[in-house]
C-alpha atoms as a PDB file:
ATOM      1  CA  MET A   1      97.476  81.710 125.070  1.00  0.00           C
ATOM      2  CA  LYS A   2      99.925  81.781 122.217  1.00  0.00           C
ATOM      3  CA  LYS A   3     103.318  82.317 122.874  1.00  0.00           C
ATOM      4  CA  ASP A   4     105.440  84.328 120.238  1.00  0.00           C
ATOM      5  CA  ILE A   5     108.911  82.832 119.302  1.00  0.00           C
ATOM      6  CA  THR A   6     112.008  84.487 118.753  1.00  0.00           C
ATOM      7  CA  ILE A   7     113.806  85.348 115.745  1.00  0.00           C
ATOM      8  CA  GLU A   8     116.573  82.832 116.491  1.00  0.00           C
ATOM      9  CA  GLU A   9     113.774  80.002 116.818  1.00  0.00           C
ATOM     10  CA  LEU A  10     112.222  81.116 113.773  1.00  0.00           C
ATOM     11  CA  GLN A  11     115.474  81.043 112.017  1.00  0.00           C
ATOM     12  CA  LEU A  12     116.327  77.515 113.042  1.00  0.00           C
ATOM     13  CA  LYS A  13     112.965  76.289 111.765  1.00  0.00           C
ATOM     14  CA  ILE A  14     113.938  77.510 108.419  1.00  0.00           C
ATOM     15  CA  GLU A  15     117.359  76.322 108.413  1.00  0.00           C
ATOM     16  CA  LYS A  16     116.232  72.515 108.846  1.00  0.00           C
ATOM     17  CA  PHE A  17     115.532  72.719 105.035  1.00  0.00           C
ATOM     18  CA  PRO A  18     118.400  71.825 102.596  1.00  0.00           C
ATOM     19  CA  ARG A  19     119.439  75.013 100.878  1.00  0.00           C
ATOM     20  CA  ILE A  20     121.714  76.471  97.922  1.00  0.00           C
ATOM     21  CA  LYS A  21     122.643  80.021  98.034  1.00  0.00           C
ATOM     22  CA  ILE A  22     121.017  81.757  94.883  1.00  0.00           C
ATOM     23  CA  ALA A  23     119.507  85.108  96.036  1.00  0.00           C
ATOM     24  CA  HIS A  24     121.322  88.241  96.893  1.00  0.00           C
ATOM     25  CA  THR A  25     120.152  89.041 100.063  1.00  0.00           C
ATOM     26  CA  PRO A  26     119.462  90.920 102.277  1.00  0.00           C
ATOM     27  CA  THR A  27     117.620  93.147  99.703  1.00  0.00           C
ATOM     28  CA  PRO A  28     117.573  96.960 100.388  1.00  0.00           C
ATOM     29  CA  LEU A  29     114.521  98.782 102.072  1.00  0.00           C
ATOM     30  CA  GLU A  30     114.529 102.249 100.635  1.00  0.00           C
ATOM     31  CA  PHE A  31     112.545 105.355 101.007  1.00  0.00           C
ATOM     32  CA  MET A  32     110.391 106.982  98.267  1.00  0.00           C
ATOM     33  CA  PRO A  33     110.459 110.505  99.059  1.00  0.00           C
ATOM     34  CA  ASN A  34     109.391 111.893  95.599  1.00  0.00           C
ATOM     35  CA  LEU A  35     106.476 109.602  95.199  1.00  0.00           C
ATOM     36  CA  SER A  36     105.474 110.143  98.811  1.00  0.00           C
ATOM     37  CA  LYS A  37     105.347 113.867  98.343  1.00  0.00           C
ATOM     38  CA  ASN A  38     103.614 113.620  94.871  1.00  0.00           C
ATOM     39  CA  LEU A  39     100.827 111.877  96.469  1.00  0.00           C
ATOM     40  CA  GLY A  40     100.621 113.672  99.571  1.00  0.00           C
ATOM     41  CA  GLY A  41      99.803 110.704 101.835  1.00  0.00           C
ATOM     42  CA  PRO A  42     101.819 108.283 103.928  1.00  0.00           C
ATOM     43  CA  LYS A  43     105.569 107.762 103.657  1.00  0.00           C
ATOM     44  CA  ILE A  44     106.185 105.055 101.212  1.00  0.00           C
ATOM     45  CA  TRP A  45     109.215 102.614 101.373  1.00  0.00           C
ATOM     46  CA  ILE A  46     110.178  99.825  98.954  1.00  0.00           C
ATOM     47  CA  LYS A  47     111.693  96.472  99.675  1.00  0.00           C
ATOM     48  CA  ARG A  48     113.660  95.719  96.550  1.00  0.00           C
ATOM     49  CA  GLU A  49     113.022  91.983  95.839  1.00  0.00           C
ATOM     50  CA  ASP A  50     113.853  93.034  92.333  1.00  0.00           C
ATOM     51  CA  MET A  51     117.555  93.059  93.264  1.00  0.00           C
ATOM     52  CA  THR A  52     117.799  89.435  94.134  1.00  0.00           C
ATOM     53  CA  GLY A  53     120.017  88.526  91.086  1.00  0.00           C
ATOM     54  CA  LEU A  54     119.230  85.223  89.068  1.00  0.00           C
ATOM     55  CA  ALA A  55     118.507  86.496  85.530  1.00  0.00           C
ATOM     56  CA  TYR A  56     117.218  90.110  86.288  1.00  0.00           C
ATOM     57  CA  GLY A  57     115.788  89.216  89.905  1.00  0.00           C
ATOM     58  CA  GLY A  58     112.525  88.904  91.587  1.00  0.00           C
ATOM     59  CA  ASN A  59     111.024  87.212  94.734  1.00  0.00           C
ATOM     60  CA  LYS A  60     111.235  83.859  93.465  1.00  0.00           C
ATOM     61  CA  ALA A  61     115.073  83.745  93.923  1.00  0.00           C
ATOM     62  CA  ARG A  62     114.403  83.234  97.650  1.00  0.00           C
ATOM     63  CA  HIS A  63     112.083  80.384  96.697  1.00  0.00           C
ATOM     64  CA  TYR A  64     114.636  78.550  94.634  1.00  0.00           C
ATOM     65  CA  GLU A  65     117.263  78.584  97.414  1.00  0.00           C
ATOM     66  CA  PHE A  66     114.964  75.756  99.163  1.00  0.00           C
ATOM     67  CA  GLU A  67     113.009  74.366  96.129  1.00  0.00           C
ATOM     68  CA  MET A  68     116.156  73.349  93.880  1.00  0.00           C
ATOM     69  CA  PRO A  69     117.808  71.229  96.700  1.00  0.00           C
ATOM     70  CA  GLU A  70     114.358  69.518  97.405  1.00  0.00           C
ATOM     71  CA  ILE A  71     114.278  68.455  93.625  1.00  0.00           C
ATOM     72  CA  LYS A  72     118.029  67.472  93.571  1.00  0.00           C
ATOM     73  CA  ASN A  73     117.992  65.439  96.641  1.00  0.00           C
ATOM     74  CA  GLN A  74     115.130  63.275  95.374  1.00  0.00           C
ATOM     75  CA  GLY A  75     117.178  62.141  92.310  1.00  0.00           C
ATOM     76  CA  TYR A  76     115.326  64.234  89.699  1.00  0.00           C
ATOM     77  CA  ASP A  77     117.372  65.452  86.822  1.00  0.00           C
ATOM     78  CA  THR A  78     114.704  67.025  84.946  1.00  0.00           C
ATOM     79  CA  ILE A  79     112.096  69.799  85.630  1.00  0.00           C
ATOM     80  CA  ILE A  80     108.916  70.593  83.469  1.00  0.00           C
ATOM     81  CA  ASN A  81     107.170  73.857  84.130  1.00  0.00           C
ATOM     82  CA  ILE A  82     103.964  74.983  82.560  1.00  0.00           C
ATOM     83  CA  MET A  83     103.619  78.811  82.409  1.00  0.00           C
ATOM     84  CA  ASP A  84     102.158  81.704  80.365  1.00  0.00           C
ATOM     85  CA  TYR A  85     104.454  82.941  77.487  1.00  0.00           C
ATOM     86  CA  HIS A  86     105.432  86.251  79.326  1.00  0.00           C
ATOM     87  CA  SER A  87     106.032  84.359  82.806  1.00  0.00           C
ATOM     88  CA  ASN A  88     108.575  85.588  85.241  1.00  0.00           C
ATOM     89  CA  ASN A  89     108.404  82.276  87.064  1.00  0.00           C
ATOM     90  CA  ALA A  90     109.307  80.570  83.891  1.00  0.00           C
ATOM     91  CA  ARG A  91     112.560  82.740  83.731  1.00  0.00           C
ATOM     92  CA  MET A  92     113.779  82.445  87.001  1.00  0.00           C
ATOM     93  CA  THR A  93     112.995  78.772  87.328  1.00  0.00           C
ATOM     94  CA  ALA A  94     115.093  78.330  84.189  1.00  0.00           C
ATOM     95  CA  ALA A  95     118.142  80.314  85.802  1.00  0.00           C
ATOM     96  CA  ALA A  96     117.710  78.389  89.020  1.00  0.00           C
ATOM     97  CA  ALA A  97     117.907  75.064  87.222  1.00  0.00           C
ATOM     98  CA  ASN A  98     120.866  75.993  85.130  1.00  0.00           C
ATOM     99  CA  LYS A  99     122.762  76.944  88.517  1.00  0.00           C
ATOM    100  CA  CYS A 100     121.784  73.477  89.767  1.00  0.00           C
ATOM    101  CA  GLU A 101     122.596  71.507  86.666  1.00  0.00           C
ATOM    102  CA  LEU A 102     118.975  70.325  86.054  1.00  0.00           C
ATOM    103  CA  LYS A 103     117.506  69.967  82.581  1.00  0.00           C
ATOM    104  CA  TYR A 104     114.677  72.406  82.237  1.00  0.00           C
ATOM    105  CA  ILE A 105     111.751  71.908  79.890  1.00  0.00           C
ATOM    106  CA  LEU A 106     109.173  74.940  79.673  1.00  0.00           C
ATOM    107  CA  ILE A 107     105.719  74.511  78.363  1.00  0.00           C
ATOM    108  CA  LEU A 108     104.341  78.009  77.628  1.00  0.00           C
ATOM    109  CA  LYS A 109     100.856  78.661  76.895  1.00  0.00           C
ATOM    110  CA  ASN A 110      99.706  80.985  74.398  1.00  0.00           C
ATOM    111  CA  ALA A 111     103.204  81.265  73.001  1.00  0.00           C
ATOM    112  CA  GLN A 112     103.114  79.873  69.446  1.00  0.00           C
ATOM    113  CA  GLY A 113     103.836  82.867  67.083  1.00  0.00           C
ATOM    114  CA  ARG A 114     104.763  85.468  69.656  1.00  0.00           C
ATOM    115  CA  LYS A 115     107.741  87.817  69.268  1.00  0.00           C
ATOM    116  CA  VAL A 116     110.621  86.377  71.225  1.00  0.00           C
ATOM    117  CA  GLN A 117     111.220  89.312  73.594  1.00  0.00           C
ATOM    118  CA  GLY A 118     110.969  90.030  77.297  1.00  0.00           C
ATOM    119  CA  ASN A 119     110.902  86.823  79.418  1.00  0.00           C
ATOM    120  CA  LEU A 120     110.464  84.696  76.476  1.00  0.00           C
ATOM    121  CA  LEU A 121     113.777  85.920  75.067  1.00  0.00           C
ATOM    122  CA  VAL A 122     115.448  85.429  78.480  1.00  0.00           C
ATOM    123  CA  ASP A 123     113.981  81.664  78.633  1.00  0.00           C
ATOM    124  CA  LYS A 124     115.657  81.115  75.086  1.00  0.00           C
ATOM    125  CA  ILE A 125     119.160  82.608  76.063  1.00  0.00           C
ATOM    126  CA  LEU A 126     119.070  80.547  79.506  1.00  0.00           C
ATOM    127  CA  GLY A 127     118.767  77.480  76.966  1.00  0.00           C
ATOM    128  CA  SER A 128     115.469  76.251  78.145  1.00  0.00           C
ATOM    129  CA  GLU A 129     113.892  73.469  75.966  1.00  0.00           C
ATOM    130  CA  LEU A 130     110.891  75.441  74.788  1.00  0.00           C
ATOM    131  CA  HIS A 131     107.439  73.957  73.865  1.00  0.00           C
ATOM    132  CA  LEU A 132     105.376  76.998  72.629  1.00  0.00           C
ATOM    133  CA  LEU A 133     101.694  76.020  72.705  1.00  0.00           C
ATOM    134  CA  ASN A 134      98.938  77.709  70.614  1.00  0.00           C
ATOM    135  CA  GLU A 135      95.590  78.693  72.016  1.00  0.00           C
ATOM    136  CA  SER A 136      93.842  75.234  71.680  1.00  0.00           C
ATOM    137  CA  GLN A 137      97.059  73.404  72.784  1.00  0.00           C
ATOM    138  CA  SER A 138      97.182  75.401  75.768  1.00  0.00           C
ATOM    139  CA  ILE A 139      93.694  74.402  77.096  1.00  0.00           C
ATOM    140  CA  LYS A 140      95.210  70.946  77.441  1.00  0.00           C
ATOM    141  CA  ALA A 141      98.529  72.085  78.757  1.00  0.00           C
ATOM    142  CA  ASN A 142      98.502  69.745  81.445  1.00  0.00           C
ATOM    143  CA  GLU A 143      97.805  66.704  79.586  1.00  0.00           C
ATOM    144  CA  TYR A 144     100.590  67.830  77.152  1.00  0.00           C
ATOM    145  CA  ALA A 145     102.976  67.908  80.017  1.00  0.00           C
ATOM    146  CA  LEU A 146     102.075  64.547  81.383  1.00  0.00           C
ATOM    147  CA  ASN A 147     102.521  63.022  77.823  1.00  0.00           C
ATOM    148  CA  LEU A 148     105.871  64.549  77.802  1.00  0.00           C
ATOM    149  CA  LYS A 149     106.947  63.405  81.146  1.00  0.00           C
ATOM    150  CA  ASN A 150     105.932  59.770  80.403  1.00  0.00           C
ATOM    151  CA  ASP A 151     108.101  59.931  77.245  1.00  0.00           C
ATOM    152  CA  LEU A 152     111.098  61.207  78.982  1.00  0.00           C
ATOM    153  CA  GLU A 153     110.704  58.682  81.696  1.00  0.00           C
ATOM    154  CA  LYS A 154     110.503  55.757  79.280  1.00  0.00           C
ATOM    155  CA  ASN A 155     114.044  57.241  77.988  1.00  0.00           C
ATOM    156  CA  GLY A 156     115.482  57.033  81.352  1.00  0.00           C
ATOM    157  CA  ARG A 157     115.017  60.556  82.782  1.00  0.00           C
ATOM    158  CA  LYS A 158     113.715  61.437  86.346  1.00  0.00           C
ATOM    159  CA  VAL A 159     111.134  64.136  85.702  1.00  0.00           C
ATOM    160  CA  TYR A 160     109.780  66.754  88.253  1.00  0.00           C
ATOM    161  CA  LEU A 161     106.737  68.280  86.930  1.00  0.00           C
ATOM    162  CA  LEU A 162     106.363  71.135  89.157  1.00  0.00           C
ATOM    163  CA  GLN A 163     102.471  71.399  88.981  1.00  0.00           C
ATOM    164  CA  ASP A 164     102.356  67.670  90.434  1.00  0.00           C
ATOM    165  CA  HIS A 165     104.165  68.613  93.872  1.00  0.00           C
ATOM    166  CA  LEU A 166     103.026  70.226  97.149  1.00  0.00           C
ATOM    167  CA  PHE A 167     106.312  71.682  98.120  1.00  0.00           C
ATOM    168  CA  PRO A 168     106.423  74.279  95.140  1.00  0.00           C
ATOM    169  CA  ARG A 169     103.240  75.556  96.489  1.00  0.00           C
ATOM    170  CA  ILE A 170     104.620  76.443  99.948  1.00  0.00           C
ATOM    171  CA  VAL A 171     108.362  76.952  99.283  1.00  0.00           C
ATOM    172  CA  GLY A 172     107.786  80.548  98.594  1.00  0.00           C
ATOM    173  CA  MET A 173     106.236  81.107 102.076  1.00  0.00           C
ATOM    174  CA  ILE A 174     109.366  79.521 103.534  1.00  0.00           C
ATOM    175  CA  GLY A 175     111.567  81.957 101.669  1.00  0.00           C
ATOM    176  CA  PHE A 176     109.655  84.923 102.789  1.00  0.00           C
ATOM    177  CA  VAL A 177     109.214  83.909 106.395  1.00  0.00           C
ATOM    178  CA  GLU A 178     113.158  84.576 106.296  1.00  0.00           C
ATOM    179  CA  ALA A 179     112.318  87.725 104.425  1.00  0.00           C
ATOM    180  CA  GLY A 180     110.254  88.947 107.186  1.00  0.00           C
ATOM    181  CA  ILE A 181     112.904  88.417 109.722  1.00  0.00           C
ATOM    182  CA  GLU A 182     115.232  90.536 107.445  1.00  0.00           C
ATOM    183  CA  LEU A 183     112.555  93.182 107.061  1.00  0.00           C
ATOM    184  CA  LYS A 184     111.952  93.326 110.793  1.00  0.00           C
ATOM    185  CA  ASN A 185     115.538  94.142 111.383  1.00  0.00           C
ATOM    186  CA  GLN A 186     115.378  96.791 108.810  1.00  0.00           C
ATOM    187  CA  ILE A 187     112.419  98.302 110.171  1.00  0.00           C
ATOM    188  CA  GLU A 188     114.018  98.554 113.581  1.00  0.00           C
ATOM    189  CA  GLU A 189     117.151  99.907 112.228  1.00  0.00           C
ATOM    190  CA  LYS A 190     115.334 102.639 110.368  1.00  0.00           C
ATOM    191  CA  LYS A 191     112.951 103.194 113.412  1.00  0.00           C
ATOM    192  CA  LEU A 192     109.804 102.865 111.315  1.00  0.00           C
ATOM    193  CA  SER A 193     106.265 102.381 112.833  1.00  0.00           C
ATOM    194  CA  ASN A 194     102.742 101.675 111.865  1.00  0.00           C
ATOM    195  CA  ILE A 195     103.835  99.185 109.194  1.00  0.00           C
ATOM    196  CA  HIS A 196     101.404  98.662 106.322  1.00  0.00           C
ATOM    197  CA  ILE A 197     102.766  96.189 103.762  1.00  0.00           C
ATOM    198  CA  TYR A 198     101.573  96.372 100.153  1.00  0.00           C
ATOM    199  CA  GLY A 199     102.206  93.450  97.519  1.00  0.00           C
ATOM    200  CA  VAL A 200     100.819  90.885  95.166  1.00  0.00           C
ATOM    201  CA  ALA A 201      98.294  88.718  97.004  1.00  0.00           C
ATOM    202  CA  GLY A 202     100.286  85.495  96.783  1.00  0.00           C
ATOM    203  CA  ARG A 203     102.635  83.114  98.533  1.00  0.00           C
ATOM    204  CA  SER A 204     105.364  85.640  99.267  1.00  0.00           C
ATOM    205  CA  LEU A 205     103.071  88.002 101.023  1.00  0.00           C
ATOM    206  CA  CYS A 206     101.825  84.915 103.123  1.00  0.00           C
ATOM    207  CA  GLY A 207     105.309  84.326 104.207  1.00  0.00           C
ATOM    208  CA  LEU A 208     105.761  87.853 105.544  1.00  0.00           C
ATOM    209  CA  ILE A 209     102.330  87.376 107.287  1.00  0.00           C
ATOM    210  CA  LEU A 210     103.700  84.304 108.899  1.00  0.00           C
ATOM    211  CA  ALA A 211     106.831  85.987 110.170  1.00  0.00           C
ATOM    212  CA  SER A 212     104.821  88.865 111.365  1.00  0.00           C
ATOM    213  CA  LYS A 213     102.251  86.791 113.335  1.00  0.00           C
ATOM    214  CA  ASN A 214     104.633  84.326 114.919  1.00  0.00           C
ATOM    215  CA  LEU A 215     106.892  87.001 115.871  1.00  0.00           C
ATOM    216  CA  GLY A 216     104.256  88.865 117.504  1.00  0.00           C
ATOM    217  CA  LEU A 217     104.283  92.013 115.095  1.00  0.00           C
ATOM    218  CA  ASN A 218     101.452  94.150 114.368  1.00  0.00           C
ATOM    219  CA  TRP A 219     101.956  94.662 110.625  1.00  0.00           C
ATOM    220  CA  LYS A 220      99.144  95.357 108.418  1.00  0.00           C
ATOM    221  CA  PHE A 221      98.832  93.511 105.083  1.00  0.00           C
ATOM    222  CA  THR A 222      96.990  94.572 101.816  1.00  0.00           C
ATOM    223  CA  GLY A 223      97.391  92.196  98.824  1.00  0.00           C
ATOM    224  CA  VAL A 224      96.514  93.012  95.207  1.00  0.00           C
ATOM    225  CA  THR A 225      95.140  90.259  92.990  1.00  0.00           C
ATOM    226  CA  VAL A 226      96.612  90.162  89.443  1.00  0.00           C
ATOM    227  CA  ASN A 227      94.760  87.228  87.836  1.00  0.00           C
ATOM    228  CA  TYR A 228      91.168  86.148  87.623  1.00  0.00           C
ATOM    229  CA  ASP A 229      92.160  82.713  86.748  1.00  0.00           C
ATOM    230  CA  MET A 230      93.822  81.807  90.186  1.00  0.00           C
ATOM    231  CA  PRO A 231      91.612  81.890  92.916  1.00  0.00           C
ATOM    232  CA  LEU A 232      93.225  82.895  96.303  1.00  0.00           C
ATOM    233  CA  ASP A 233      91.389  80.128  98.074  1.00  0.00           C
ATOM    234  CA  ASP A 234      93.254  77.359  95.979  1.00  0.00           C
ATOM    235  CA  TYR A 235      96.460  79.356  95.360  1.00  0.00           C
ATOM    236  CA  ILE A 236      97.298  80.328  98.964  1.00  0.00           C
ATOM    237  CA  PHE A 237      94.692  79.842 101.705  1.00  0.00           C
ATOM    238  CA  ARG A 238      94.055  76.265 101.408  1.00  0.00           C
ATOM    239  CA  HIS A 239      97.978  75.654 102.271  1.00  0.00           C
ATOM    240  CA  ASN A 240      97.703  77.510 105.195  1.00  0.00           C
ATOM    241  CA  ASN A 241      97.997  74.291 107.395  1.00  0.00           C
ATOM    242  CA  ASP A 242     100.606  72.717 105.055  1.00  0.00           C
ATOM    243  CA  ILE A 243     102.936  75.516 105.659  1.00  0.00           C
ATOM    244  CA  LYS A 244     102.232  75.466 109.509  1.00  0.00           C
ATOM    245  CA  GLU A 245     103.285  71.739 109.661  1.00  0.00           C
ATOM    246  CA  ALA A 246     106.287  72.154 107.421  1.00  0.00           C
ATOM    247  CA  LEU A 247     107.744  74.836 109.520  1.00  0.00           C
ATOM    248  CA  ASP A 248     106.430  73.537 112.770  1.00  0.00           C
ATOM    249  CA  LEU A 249     104.850  76.883 113.552  1.00  0.00           C
ATOM    250  CA  PRO A 250     102.751  77.909 116.629  1.00  0.00           C
ATOM    251  CA  ILE A 251     100.313  79.603 114.236  1.00  0.00           C
ATOM    252  CA  THR A 252      99.465  80.254 110.695  1.00  0.00           C
ATOM    253  CA  PHE A 253      97.689  82.743 108.391  1.00  0.00           C
ATOM    254  CA  TYR A 254      93.893  83.159 107.626  1.00  0.00           C
ATOM    255  CA  GLU A 255      91.950  85.096 105.100  1.00  0.00           C
ATOM    256  CA  LYS A 256      91.330  87.869 107.729  1.00  0.00           C
ATOM    257  CA  ASP A 257      94.977  88.610 107.949  1.00  0.00           C
ATOM    258  CA  LEU A 258      95.094  89.817 104.483  1.00  0.00           C
ATOM    259  CA  ASN A 259      93.096  92.781 103.097  1.00  0.00           C
ATOM    260  CA  VAL A 260      92.560  91.760  99.349  1.00  0.00           C
ATOM    261  CA  LEU A 261      91.992  94.389  96.630  1.00  0.00           C
ATOM    262  CA  ASP A 262      90.703  92.532  93.538  1.00  0.00           C
ATOM    263  CA  GLN A 263      89.388  95.673  91.540  1.00  0.00           C
ATOM    264  CA  TYR A 264      92.606  96.283  89.678  1.00  0.00           C
ATOM    265  CA  VAL A 265      93.123  93.354  87.366  1.00  0.00           C
ATOM    266  CA  GLY A 266      91.286  94.986  84.433  1.00  0.00           C
ATOM    267  CA  GLU A 267      90.328  92.522  81.738  1.00  0.00           C
ATOM    268  CA  GLY A 268      92.593  89.850  82.809  1.00  0.00           C
ATOM    269  CA  TYR A 269      96.369  88.780  83.469  1.00  0.00           C
ATOM    270  CA  GLY A 270      98.784  90.120  80.861  1.00  0.00           C
ATOM    271  CA  ILE A 271      96.331  92.754  79.639  1.00  0.00           C
ATOM    272  CA  VAL A 272      97.752  96.067  80.844  1.00  0.00           C
ATOM    273  CA  THR A 273      95.357  98.896  82.119  1.00  0.00           C
ATOM    274  CA  GLN A 274      95.697 102.523  81.785  1.00  0.00           C
ATOM    275  CA  GLU A 275      96.022 102.742  85.484  1.00  0.00           C
ATOM    276  CA  VAL A 276      99.166 100.566  85.548  1.00  0.00           C
ATOM    277  CA  ILE A 277     100.638 102.248  82.583  1.00  0.00           C
ATOM    278  CA  GLU A 278     100.315 105.522  84.719  1.00  0.00           C
ATOM    279  CA  ALA A 279     101.642 103.863  87.865  1.00  0.00           C
ATOM    280  CA  ILE A 280     104.738 102.702  85.887  1.00  0.00           C
ATOM    281  CA  HIS A 281     105.439 105.912  84.600  1.00  0.00           C
ATOM    282  CA  LEU A 282     104.761 107.896  87.994  1.00  0.00           C
ATOM    283  CA  ALA A 283     107.193 105.549  89.919  1.00  0.00           C
ATOM    284  CA  ALA A 284     109.886 105.925  87.292  1.00  0.00           C
ATOM    285  CA  LYS A 285     109.511 109.705  87.039  1.00  0.00           C
ATOM    286  CA  THR A 286     109.524 110.281  90.708  1.00  0.00           C
ATOM    287  CA  ASP A 287     111.872 107.895  92.273  1.00  0.00           C
ATOM    288  CA  ALA A 288     113.401 106.086  89.320  1.00  0.00           C
ATOM    289  CA  ILE A 289     111.815 102.782  90.214  1.00  0.00           C
ATOM    290  CA  ILE A 290     110.734 100.358  87.530  1.00  0.00           C
ATOM    291  CA  CYS A 291     107.698  98.327  87.991  1.00  0.00           C
ATOM    292  CA  ASP A 292     106.420  95.626  85.603  1.00  0.00           C
ATOM    293  CA  PRO A 293     103.259  95.373  83.801  1.00  0.00           C
ATOM    294  CA  ASN A 294     101.713  92.328  85.427  1.00  0.00           C
ATOM    295  CA  TYR A 295     102.610  92.329  89.162  1.00  0.00           C
ATOM    296  CA  THR A 296     104.292  95.279  90.729  1.00  0.00           C
ATOM    297  CA  GLY A 297     102.588  97.925  88.146  1.00  0.00           C
ATOM    298  CA  THR A 298      99.219  96.478  89.397  1.00  0.00           C
ATOM    299  CA  VAL A 299     100.096  96.751  92.992  1.00  0.00           C
ATOM    300  CA  MET A 300     101.496 100.290  92.450  1.00  0.00           C
ATOM    301  CA  ALA A 301      98.347 101.296  90.501  1.00  0.00           C
ATOM    302  CA  ALA A 302      96.300  99.950  93.619  1.00  0.00           C
ATOM    303  CA  LEU A 303      98.692 101.793  96.265  1.00  0.00           C
ATOM    304  CA  ILE A 304      98.432 105.089  94.094  1.00  0.00           C
ATOM    305  CA  ASP A 305      94.584 104.851  93.715  1.00  0.00           C
ATOM    306  CA  GLN A 306      94.172 103.992  97.462  1.00  0.00           C
ATOM    307  CA  ILE A 307      96.210 106.955  98.561  1.00  0.00           C
ATOM    308  CA  ARG A 308      94.408 109.317  96.316  1.00  0.00           C
ATOM    309  CA  LYS A 309      91.039 108.288  97.695  1.00  0.00           C
ATOM    310  CA  ASN A 310      92.245 108.759 101.320  1.00  0.00           C
ATOM    311  CA  ASN A 311      91.767 104.972 102.053  1.00  0.00           C
ATOM    312  CA  ILE A 312      95.301 104.796 103.816  1.00  0.00           C
ATOM    313  CA  ASN A 313      95.972 106.601 107.027  1.00  0.00           C
ATOM    314  CA  GLU A 314      98.829 109.226 106.372  1.00  0.00           C
ATOM    315  CA  ASN A 315     100.380 108.103 109.809  1.00  0.00           C
ATOM    316  CA  GLU A 316     101.079 104.517 108.358  1.00  0.00           C
ATOM    317  CA  THR A 317     104.341 103.562 106.987  1.00  0.00           C
ATOM    318  CA  VAL A 318     103.544 102.031 103.597  1.00  0.00           C
ATOM    319  CA  ILE A 319     106.132  99.146 102.593  1.00  0.00           C
ATOM    320  CA  PHE A 320     105.725  98.364  98.957  1.00  0.00           C
ATOM    321  CA  ILE A 321     107.148  94.852  97.925  1.00  0.00           C
ATOM    322  CA  HIS A 322     108.800  95.031  94.563  1.00  0.00           C
ATOM    323  CA  THR A 323     108.741  91.318  93.467  1.00  0.00           C
ATOM    324  CA  GLY A 324     110.634  91.909  90.164  1.00  0.00           C
ATOM    325  CA  GLY A 325     109.419  91.020  86.772  1.00  0.00           C
ATOM    326  CA  LEU A 326     111.341  93.712  84.750  1.00  0.00           C
ATOM    327  CA  PRO A 327     111.796  91.904  81.459  1.00  0.00           C
ATOM    328  CA  ALA A 328     108.027  91.682  81.042  1.00  0.00           C
ATOM    329  CA  LEU A 329     108.345  95.626  80.265  1.00  0.00           C
ATOM    330  CA  PHE A 330     109.730  94.849  76.799  1.00  0.00           C
ATOM    331  CA  THR A 331     106.835  92.547  75.991  1.00  0.00           C
ATOM    332  CA  PHE A 332     104.525  95.398  76.499  1.00  0.00           C
ATOM    333  CA  SER A 333     106.611  97.910  74.924  1.00  0.00           C
ATOM    334  CA  GLU A 334     103.928  99.279  72.488  1.00  0.00           C
ATOM    335  CA  GLU A 335     101.327  99.854  75.430  1.00  0.00           C
ATOM    336  CA  LEU A 336     104.010 101.526  77.845  1.00  0.00           C
ATOM    337  CA  SER A 337     105.553 103.685  75.148  1.00  0.00           C
ATOM    338  CA  ASP A 338     102.464 106.042  74.956  1.00  0.00           C
ATOM    339  CA  LEU A 339     104.144 109.405  74.696  1.00  0.00           C
ATOM    340  CA  SER A 340     101.279 111.238  76.268  1.00  0.00           C
ATOM    341  CA  PHE A 341     102.787 110.485  79.827  1.00  0.00           C
END
């Protein structure tokens, strides 16, 4: 029979990894009274991972506390990252690389000819070496990155291509196992019960699931997909044993631990839907919470719709994980400035 581990034991498993302090933590857990009243369903709380600092904040600040030392301790001096033109990951990796004195090269797909605003503007201000690919080049972005890596290594650089390594695929789970410890303490302090966590279906949510299961908590999880191009089997579920071994955990997560909602993506990643636009406006007008068009806006749209359809028990305490992404608002300013809202 599985034995739950203590918070102290779990924290020690996290602390075996080299670390640099980057994120502003603990992040607040706040009640959203006006949105809760507006929707007439369960009480909604929000975990403010948008307040972690590091170039406008976001969940990945917790990731990089462990990822950057991993890279530096292996002697790398240069990071190459491949992302979409409006990526939050791209921006936050740039900020973390600067703090750790690592050269940062950013290959951005579908970026050529785009207006320099939102995350792309922040990437530029942070001093990233930008490679803006057009649509046809983007199809071979990995090949482009490998060629660039080879050229740099011929000139004496030691290059860490993020997409080539396992650790970047599990490090977010490590950071959010610790966030789970933090959240448990906040839930107990506020005397909350019947916890139902809503967030992007990804590594951060899996970290919270790991904390919940290993600490013997009975939290419920709903993950919302935001991208058709990143199947969850490959993105998170195939790494459930990798993270179990890395943290030496008694148990890991499985697909059955996460209720996945995949009907809110719309036409695809980076194409904002009317439901997301409405959700962004409603959260802002009620409790002054700003969501982003790609991630938290999609999760908020899903949460609002599920409450309106009475698919969430009103006796549950919903905790919405705000993972940041706010600079993306300005990339989608035309869609979001519809005056009918």
